[in-house]
Amino acid sequence: MVTAPEGRAFKLGFTNGMVVQEIGWDEDTDDSLRIEIEDAIDAEMLDEDAVDVMDAVVLWWRDDDGDLVDALMDAIGPLAEGGFIWVLSPKTGRAGYVDPSEIAEAAPTTGLTQTSVVSLGDWSGSRLVTPKARAGKR
């Protein structure tokens, strides 16, 4: 088994036993990253029709996919407390490129906080989480 792919998925926060939903898969997605995530969680990612409680969501997002705020609201629904969303979008110069400011502006509108941005080959990833204050509601 190759150790480098496991390292990439692990750096994104994916670990064995997590329940992960994948939204926005298409022919242009990074299949090697998908496989690395599934290897790390030791399961297949669930599709957008799944009704389980999710530890994480992988949202493949392109410029022409619609309203990002709506997509994030849908992704938050099944997200477990302490869960996270990775918004993966094509890098500059690639078809479907999304300006990083669009993600940064959509996150707070949906009650999420952007915690990191990473480069993943032809894709960029933005990690979004629910604020800790939200988890500690009275």
N, C-alpha and C. Protein backbone atom coordinates (compact mmCIF):
# COMPACT_ATOMS: atom_id res chain seq x y z
N MET A 1 0.86 -1.19 0.00
CA MET A 1 0.00 0.00 0.00
C MET A 1 0.89 1.24 0.00
N VAL A 2 0.51 2.24 -0.73
CA VAL A 2 1.27 3.48 -0.85
C VAL A 2 1.01 4.35 0.38
N THR A 3 2.06 4.89 0.99
CA THR A 3 1.87 5.66 2.21
C THR A 3 1.62 7.14 1.94
N ALA A 4 2.10 7.68 0.84
CA ALA A 4 1.92 9.11 0.56
C ALA A 4 0.45 9.51 0.46
N PRO A 5 -0.41 8.73 -0.27
CA PRO A 5 -1.82 9.11 -0.33
C PRO A 5 -2.48 9.11 1.04
N GLU A 6 -2.13 8.14 1.88
CA GLU A 6 -2.71 8.12 3.22
C GLU A 6 -2.32 9.38 3.98
N GLY A 7 -1.10 9.85 3.76
CA GLY A 7 -0.65 11.07 4.41
C GLY A 7 -1.47 12.28 3.99
N ARG A 8 -1.81 12.37 2.71
CA ARG A 8 -2.59 13.50 2.22
C ARG A 8 -3.99 13.49 2.82
N ALA A 9 -4.66 12.36 2.83
CA ALA A 9 -6.00 12.27 3.41
C ALA A 9 -5.95 12.52 4.92
N PHE A 10 -4.91 12.00 5.57
CA PHE A 10 -4.76 12.21 7.01
C PHE A 10 -4.57 13.69 7.32
N LYS A 11 -3.78 14.38 6.49
CA LYS A 11 -3.56 15.82 6.69
C LYS A 11 -4.86 16.61 6.53
N LEU A 12 -5.81 16.07 5.76
CA LEU A 12 -7.10 16.72 5.58
C LEU A 12 -8.05 16.40 6.75
N GLY A 13 -7.61 15.52 7.64
CA GLY A 13 -8.41 15.21 8.82
C GLY A 13 -9.26 13.96 8.73
N PHE A 14 -9.06 13.16 7.69
CA PHE A 14 -9.85 11.94 7.53
C PHE A 14 -9.17 10.78 8.24
N THR A 15 -9.94 10.06 9.05
CA THR A 15 -9.40 8.95 9.81
C THR A 15 -10.33 7.73 9.71
N ASN A 16 -9.80 6.59 10.07
CA ASN A 16 -10.51 5.33 10.01
C ASN A 16 -11.84 5.42 10.78
N GLY A 17 -12.90 4.95 10.15
CA GLY A 17 -14.20 4.88 10.80
C GLY A 17 -15.10 6.09 10.60
N MET A 18 -14.58 7.15 9.98
CA MET A 18 -15.41 8.34 9.76
C MET A 18 -16.49 8.05 8.73
N VAL A 19 -17.64 8.72 8.89
CA VAL A 19 -18.71 8.67 7.90
C VAL A 19 -18.60 9.96 7.10
N VAL A 20 -18.33 9.82 5.80
CA VAL A 20 -18.06 10.98 4.94
C VAL A 20 -19.02 10.97 3.76
N GLN A 21 -19.63 12.11 3.53
CA GLN A 21 -20.52 12.28 2.39
C GLN A 21 -19.79 13.04 1.30
N GLU A 22 -20.00 12.61 0.06
CA GLU A 22 -19.40 13.28 -1.09
C GLU A 22 -20.51 13.90 -1.92
N ILE A 23 -20.38 15.20 -2.17
CA ILE A 23 -21.37 15.94 -2.95
C ILE A 23 -20.66 16.58 -4.14
N GLY A 24 -21.29 16.51 -5.31
CA GLY A 24 -20.75 17.19 -6.48
C GLY A 24 -19.76 16.39 -7.29
N TRP A 25 -19.72 15.06 -7.10
CA TRP A 25 -18.83 14.25 -7.91
C TRP A 25 -19.18 14.43 -9.38
N ASP A 26 -18.15 14.46 -10.21
CA ASP A 26 -18.33 14.49 -11.66
C ASP A 26 -17.06 13.90 -12.28
N GLU A 27 -17.04 13.81 -13.59
CA GLU A 27 -15.90 13.20 -14.28
C GLU A 27 -14.60 13.96 -14.07
N ASP A 28 -14.67 15.22 -13.65
CA ASP A 28 -13.45 16.02 -13.48
C ASP A 28 -12.84 15.93 -12.08
N THR A 29 -13.50 15.23 -11.16
CA THR A 29 -12.97 15.17 -9.79
C THR A 29 -11.65 14.40 -9.76
N ASP A 30 -10.90 14.61 -8.70
CA ASP A 30 -9.60 13.98 -8.52
C ASP A 30 -9.82 12.58 -7.93
N ASP A 31 -9.83 11.57 -8.82
CA ASP A 31 -10.10 10.20 -8.37
C ASP A 31 -9.05 9.69 -7.40
N SER A 32 -7.79 10.11 -7.56
CA SER A 32 -6.76 9.64 -6.63
C SER A 32 -7.02 10.16 -5.22
N LEU A 33 -7.49 11.40 -5.09
CA LEU A 33 -7.82 11.95 -3.78
C LEU A 33 -9.03 11.22 -3.20
N ARG A 34 -10.02 10.94 -4.02
CA ARG A 34 -11.20 10.20 -3.57
C ARG A 34 -10.78 8.85 -2.99
N ILE A 35 -9.91 8.14 -3.70
CA ILE A 35 -9.44 6.82 -3.26
C ILE A 35 -8.66 6.96 -1.95
N GLU A 36 -7.83 7.98 -1.83
CA GLU A 36 -7.05 8.20 -0.62
C GLU A 36 -7.97 8.44 0.58
N ILE A 37 -9.03 9.22 0.37
CA ILE A 37 -9.97 9.48 1.47
C ILE A 37 -10.68 8.19 1.85
N GLU A 38 -11.14 7.43 0.87
CA GLU A 38 -11.83 6.17 1.17
C GLU A 38 -10.89 5.17 1.84
N ASP A 39 -9.62 5.16 1.45
CA ASP A 39 -8.65 4.30 2.14
C ASP A 39 -8.47 4.75 3.59
N ALA A 40 -8.41 6.06 3.80
CA ALA A 40 -8.19 6.59 5.15
C ALA A 40 -9.37 6.28 6.08
N ILE A 41 -10.60 6.38 5.55
CA ILE A 41 -11.78 6.13 6.39
C ILE A 41 -12.16 4.65 6.40
N ASP A 42 -11.51 3.86 5.54
CA ASP A 42 -11.76 2.43 5.40
C ASP A 42 -13.21 2.14 5.04
N ALA A 43 -13.75 2.95 4.13
CA ALA A 43 -15.13 2.80 3.66
C ALA A 43 -15.30 3.65 2.42
N GLU A 44 -16.42 3.43 1.73
CA GLU A 44 -16.75 4.30 0.62
C GLU A 44 -17.41 5.56 1.14
N MET A 45 -17.19 6.68 0.45
CA MET A 45 -17.92 7.89 0.81
C MET A 45 -19.37 7.70 0.39
N LEU A 46 -20.27 8.29 1.15
CA LEU A 46 -21.69 8.20 0.85
C LEU A 46 -22.08 9.27 -0.15
N ASP A 47 -23.08 9.01 -0.97
CA ASP A 47 -23.48 10.00 -1.97
C ASP A 47 -24.40 11.06 -1.37
N GLU A 48 -24.77 12.01 -2.19
CA GLU A 48 -25.54 13.15 -1.69
C GLU A 48 -26.95 12.80 -1.25
N ASP A 49 -27.42 11.59 -1.55
CA ASP A 49 -28.76 11.17 -1.12
C ASP A 49 -28.76 10.47 0.23
N ALA A 50 -27.58 10.22 0.79
CA ALA A 50 -27.49 9.51 2.07
C ALA A 50 -28.14 10.33 3.19
N VAL A 51 -28.69 9.63 4.17
CA VAL A 51 -29.39 10.31 5.28
C VAL A 51 -28.70 10.09 6.62
N ASP A 52 -27.50 9.54 6.63
CA ASP A 52 -26.76 9.31 7.87
C ASP A 52 -26.27 10.63 8.47
N VAL A 53 -25.83 10.57 9.72
CA VAL A 53 -25.13 11.70 10.33
C VAL A 53 -23.68 11.61 9.87
N MET A 54 -23.15 12.72 9.35
CA MET A 54 -21.82 12.72 8.73
C MET A 54 -20.77 13.34 9.65
N ASP A 55 -19.60 12.72 9.66
CA ASP A 55 -18.45 13.32 10.36
C ASP A 55 -17.81 14.40 9.50
N ALA A 56 -17.93 14.25 8.19
CA ALA A 56 -17.34 15.21 7.26
C ALA A 56 -18.07 15.15 5.93
N VAL A 57 -17.95 16.24 5.18
CA VAL A 57 -18.52 16.32 3.84
C VAL A 57 -17.44 16.80 2.89
N VAL A 58 -17.33 16.12 1.75
CA VAL A 58 -16.45 16.55 0.67
C VAL A 58 -17.36 17.15 -0.39
N LEU A 59 -17.22 18.45 -0.61
CA LEU A 59 -18.06 19.16 -1.57
C LEU A 59 -17.20 19.61 -2.74
N TRP A 60 -17.33 18.92 -3.89
CA TRP A 60 -16.65 19.32 -5.11
C TRP A 60 -17.46 20.48 -5.68
N TRP A 61 -16.84 21.66 -5.85
CA TRP A 61 -17.59 22.84 -6.25
C TRP A 61 -16.92 23.56 -7.41
N ARG A 62 -17.72 23.84 -8.44
CA ARG A 62 -17.24 24.55 -9.62
C ARG A 62 -18.05 25.82 -9.81
N ASP A 63 -17.51 26.75 -10.56
CA ASP A 63 -18.12 28.06 -10.76
C ASP A 63 -19.56 27.98 -11.26
N ASP A 64 -19.87 27.01 -12.10
CA ASP A 64 -21.21 26.92 -12.68
C ASP A 64 -22.14 25.95 -11.95
N ASP A 65 -21.80 25.60 -10.71
CA ASP A 65 -22.60 24.63 -9.95
C ASP A 65 -23.82 25.23 -9.26
N GLY A 66 -24.00 26.54 -9.32
CA GLY A 66 -25.17 27.14 -8.67
C GLY A 66 -24.79 28.05 -7.52
N ASP A 67 -25.61 28.03 -6.48
CA ASP A 67 -25.43 28.90 -5.32
C ASP A 67 -24.68 28.15 -4.22
N LEU A 68 -23.47 28.61 -3.92
CA LEU A 68 -22.64 27.95 -2.92
C LEU A 68 -23.29 27.99 -1.54
N VAL A 69 -23.94 29.09 -1.18
CA VAL A 69 -24.60 29.18 0.12
C VAL A 69 -25.65 28.08 0.25
N ASP A 70 -26.46 27.88 -0.77
CA ASP A 70 -27.46 26.81 -0.75
C ASP A 70 -26.80 25.44 -0.59
N ALA A 71 -25.72 25.21 -1.33
CA ALA A 71 -25.03 23.92 -1.25
C ALA A 71 -24.45 23.69 0.14
N LEU A 72 -23.89 24.74 0.75
CA LEU A 72 -23.35 24.61 2.11
C LEU A 72 -24.45 24.35 3.13
N MET A 73 -25.60 25.00 2.95
CA MET A 73 -26.72 24.76 3.87
C MET A 73 -27.16 23.30 3.79
N ASP A 74 -27.21 22.75 2.59
CA ASP A 74 -27.56 21.34 2.42
C ASP A 74 -26.51 20.43 3.07
N ALA A 75 -25.23 20.80 2.95
CA ALA A 75 -24.14 19.99 3.51
C ALA A 75 -24.13 20.04 5.02
N ILE A 76 -24.54 21.14 5.61
CA ILE A 76 -24.54 21.29 7.07
C ILE A 76 -25.60 20.40 7.71
N GLY A 77 -26.73 20.22 7.02
CA GLY A 77 -27.85 19.46 7.57
C GLY A 77 -27.46 18.17 8.26
N PRO A 78 -26.79 17.24 7.58
CA PRO A 78 -26.45 15.96 8.21
C PRO A 78 -25.13 15.97 8.98
N LEU A 79 -24.48 17.12 9.11
CA LEU A 79 -23.16 17.18 9.71
C LEU A 79 -23.22 17.04 11.23
N ALA A 80 -22.44 16.12 11.76
CA ALA A 80 -22.38 15.90 13.21
C ALA A 80 -21.69 17.09 13.89
N GLU A 81 -21.99 17.27 15.17
CA GLU A 81 -21.30 18.30 15.94
C GLU A 81 -19.81 18.01 15.89
N GLY A 82 -19.02 19.04 15.59
CA GLY A 82 -17.58 18.87 15.46
C GLY A 82 -17.15 18.41 14.08
N GLY A 83 -18.11 18.24 13.17
CA GLY A 83 -17.78 17.81 11.81
C GLY A 83 -17.22 18.95 10.98
N PHE A 84 -16.76 18.62 9.78
CA PHE A 84 -16.19 19.64 8.91
C PHE A 84 -16.56 19.39 7.46
N ILE A 85 -16.43 20.43 6.67
CA ILE A 85 -16.70 20.37 5.24
C ILE A 85 -15.44 20.80 4.50
N TRP A 86 -15.04 20.03 3.51
CA TRP A 86 -13.98 20.44 2.60
C TRP A 86 -14.63 20.86 1.30
N VAL A 87 -14.53 22.13 0.96
CA VAL A 87 -14.99 22.62 -0.34
C VAL A 87 -13.79 22.52 -1.27
N LEU A 88 -13.90 21.65 -2.28
CA LEU A 88 -12.82 21.44 -3.24
C LEU A 88 -13.21 22.08 -4.55
N SER A 89 -12.38 23.00 -5.02
CA SER A 89 -12.68 23.73 -6.25
C SER A 89 -11.45 23.75 -7.16
N PRO A 90 -11.69 23.82 -8.48
CA PRO A 90 -10.56 23.85 -9.42
C PRO A 90 -9.66 25.05 -9.19
N LYS A 91 -8.37 24.84 -9.38
CA LYS A 91 -7.39 25.92 -9.22
C LYS A 91 -7.50 26.94 -10.34
N THR A 92 -6.90 28.09 -10.13
CA THR A 92 -6.84 29.15 -11.13
C THR A 92 -6.41 28.60 -12.48
N GLY A 93 -7.11 29.02 -13.54
CA GLY A 93 -6.77 28.59 -14.88
C GLY A 93 -7.46 27.30 -15.31
N ARG A 94 -8.10 26.61 -14.40
CA ARG A 94 -8.80 25.37 -14.73
C ARG A 94 -10.28 25.67 -14.96
N ALA A 95 -10.92 24.87 -15.78
CA ALA A 95 -12.36 25.03 -16.03
C ALA A 95 -13.11 24.91 -14.71
N GLY A 96 -14.03 25.83 -14.45
CA GLY A 96 -14.83 25.80 -13.23
C GLY A 96 -14.20 26.51 -12.05
N TYR A 97 -13.08 27.20 -12.29
CA TYR A 97 -12.38 27.93 -11.22
C TYR A 97 -13.34 28.77 -10.39
N VAL A 98 -13.19 28.69 -9.07
CA VAL A 98 -14.00 29.47 -8.13
C VAL A 98 -13.05 30.41 -7.39
N ASP A 99 -13.37 31.69 -7.40
CA ASP A 99 -12.55 32.65 -6.68
C ASP A 99 -12.61 32.32 -5.19
N PRO A 100 -11.46 32.23 -4.52
CA PRO A 100 -11.46 31.89 -3.09
C PRO A 100 -12.32 32.84 -2.24
N SER A 101 -12.49 34.09 -2.68
CA SER A 101 -13.32 35.03 -1.92
C SER A 101 -14.77 34.58 -1.89
N GLU A 102 -15.22 33.86 -2.93
CA GLU A 102 -16.60 33.36 -2.94
C GLU A 102 -16.83 32.37 -1.79
N ILE A 103 -15.86 31.50 -1.58
CA ILE A 103 -15.96 30.54 -0.48
C ILE A 103 -15.86 31.25 0.86
N ALA A 104 -14.91 32.18 0.96
CA ALA A 104 -14.72 32.93 2.21
C ALA A 104 -15.96 33.74 2.57
N GLU A 105 -16.68 34.25 1.58
CA GLU A 105 -17.89 35.04 1.85
C GLU A 105 -19.10 34.15 2.14
N ALA A 106 -19.17 32.97 1.52
CA ALA A 106 -20.31 32.07 1.72
C ALA A 106 -20.26 31.41 3.10
N ALA A 107 -19.08 31.14 3.61
CA ALA A 107 -18.94 30.41 4.87
C ALA A 107 -19.68 31.10 6.03
N PRO A 108 -19.41 32.37 6.35
CA PRO A 108 -20.09 32.99 7.49
C PRO A 108 -21.60 33.14 7.28
N THR A 109 -22.02 33.25 6.03
CA THR A 109 -23.45 33.35 5.74
C THR A 109 -24.18 32.09 6.19
N THR A 110 -23.48 30.96 6.17
CA THR A 110 -24.07 29.69 6.56
C THR A 110 -23.70 29.28 7.99
N GLY A 111 -23.03 30.17 8.71
CA GLY A 111 -22.65 29.87 10.08
C GLY A 111 -21.38 29.05 10.20
N LEU A 112 -20.59 29.01 9.14
CA LEU A 112 -19.35 28.25 9.15
C LEU A 112 -18.14 29.19 9.22
N THR A 113 -17.03 28.64 9.64
CA THR A 113 -15.78 29.37 9.70
C THR A 113 -14.75 28.65 8.86
N GLN A 114 -14.04 29.40 8.01
CA GLN A 114 -12.97 28.80 7.21
C GLN A 114 -11.73 28.71 8.07
N THR A 115 -11.15 27.49 8.19
CA THR A 115 -10.00 27.31 9.06
C THR A 115 -8.69 27.11 8.32
N SER A 116 -8.77 26.63 7.07
CA SER A 116 -7.53 26.45 6.31
C SER A 116 -7.83 26.31 4.83
N VAL A 117 -6.79 26.54 4.03
CA VAL A 117 -6.86 26.38 2.59
C VAL A 117 -5.62 25.58 2.19
N VAL A 118 -5.83 24.55 1.36
CA VAL A 118 -4.71 23.71 0.95
C VAL A 118 -4.72 23.53 -0.56
N SER A 119 -3.54 23.22 -1.10
CA SER A 119 -3.40 22.92 -2.52
C SER A 119 -3.41 21.41 -2.68
N LEU A 120 -4.25 20.94 -3.62
CA LEU A 120 -4.39 19.50 -3.84
C LEU A 120 -4.28 19.19 -5.33
N GLY A 121 -3.13 19.44 -5.90
CA GLY A 121 -2.95 19.20 -7.33
C GLY A 121 -3.71 20.23 -8.14
N ASP A 122 -4.67 19.77 -8.94
CA ASP A 122 -5.47 20.66 -9.78
C ASP A 122 -6.63 21.29 -9.01
N TRP A 123 -6.76 20.95 -7.75
CA TRP A 123 -7.86 21.44 -6.92
C TRP A 123 -7.31 22.18 -5.71
N SER A 124 -8.12 23.11 -5.19
CA SER A 124 -7.83 23.78 -3.93
C SER A 124 -8.89 23.34 -2.94
N GLY A 125 -8.50 23.23 -1.69
CA GLY A 125 -9.45 22.82 -0.66
C GLY A 125 -9.57 23.88 0.42
N SER A 126 -10.81 24.18 0.80
CA SER A 126 -11.09 25.11 1.91
C SER A 126 -11.83 24.34 2.99
N ARG A 127 -11.25 24.30 4.18
CA ARG A 127 -11.87 23.57 5.30
C ARG A 127 -12.80 24.51 6.05
N LEU A 128 -14.04 24.10 6.20
CA LEU A 128 -15.05 24.89 6.90
C LEU A 128 -15.56 24.09 8.09
N VAL A 129 -15.73 24.79 9.22
CA VAL A 129 -16.22 24.14 10.44
C VAL A 129 -17.29 25.01 11.08
N THR A 130 -18.09 24.39 11.94
CA THR A 130 -19.04 25.17 12.71
C THR A 130 -18.27 25.83 13.84
N PRO A 131 -18.57 27.07 14.17
CA PRO A 131 -17.85 27.74 15.25
C PRO A 131 -18.05 27.02 16.58
N LYS A 132 -17.03 27.05 17.41
CA LYS A 132 -17.12 26.38 18.72
C LYS A 132 -18.25 26.96 19.55
N ALA A 133 -18.52 28.24 19.41
CA ALA A 133 -19.61 28.87 20.16
C ALA A 133 -20.93 28.21 19.83
N ARG A 134 -21.09 27.79 18.57
CA ARG A 134 -22.34 27.15 18.15
C ARG A 134 -22.49 25.80 18.84
N ALA A 135 -21.38 25.09 19.01
CA ALA A 135 -21.43 23.78 19.65
C ALA A 135 -21.76 23.92 21.14
N GLY A 136 -21.46 25.07 21.73
CA GLY A 136 -21.69 25.27 23.15
C GLY A 136 -22.94 26.06 23.46
N LYS A 137 -23.95 25.97 22.60
CA LYS A 137 -25.20 26.72 22.83
C LYS A 137 -25.82 26.35 24.17
N ARG A 138 -26.47 27.31 24.79
CA ARG A 138 -27.16 27.04 26.06
C ARG A 138 -28.61 26.76 25.83
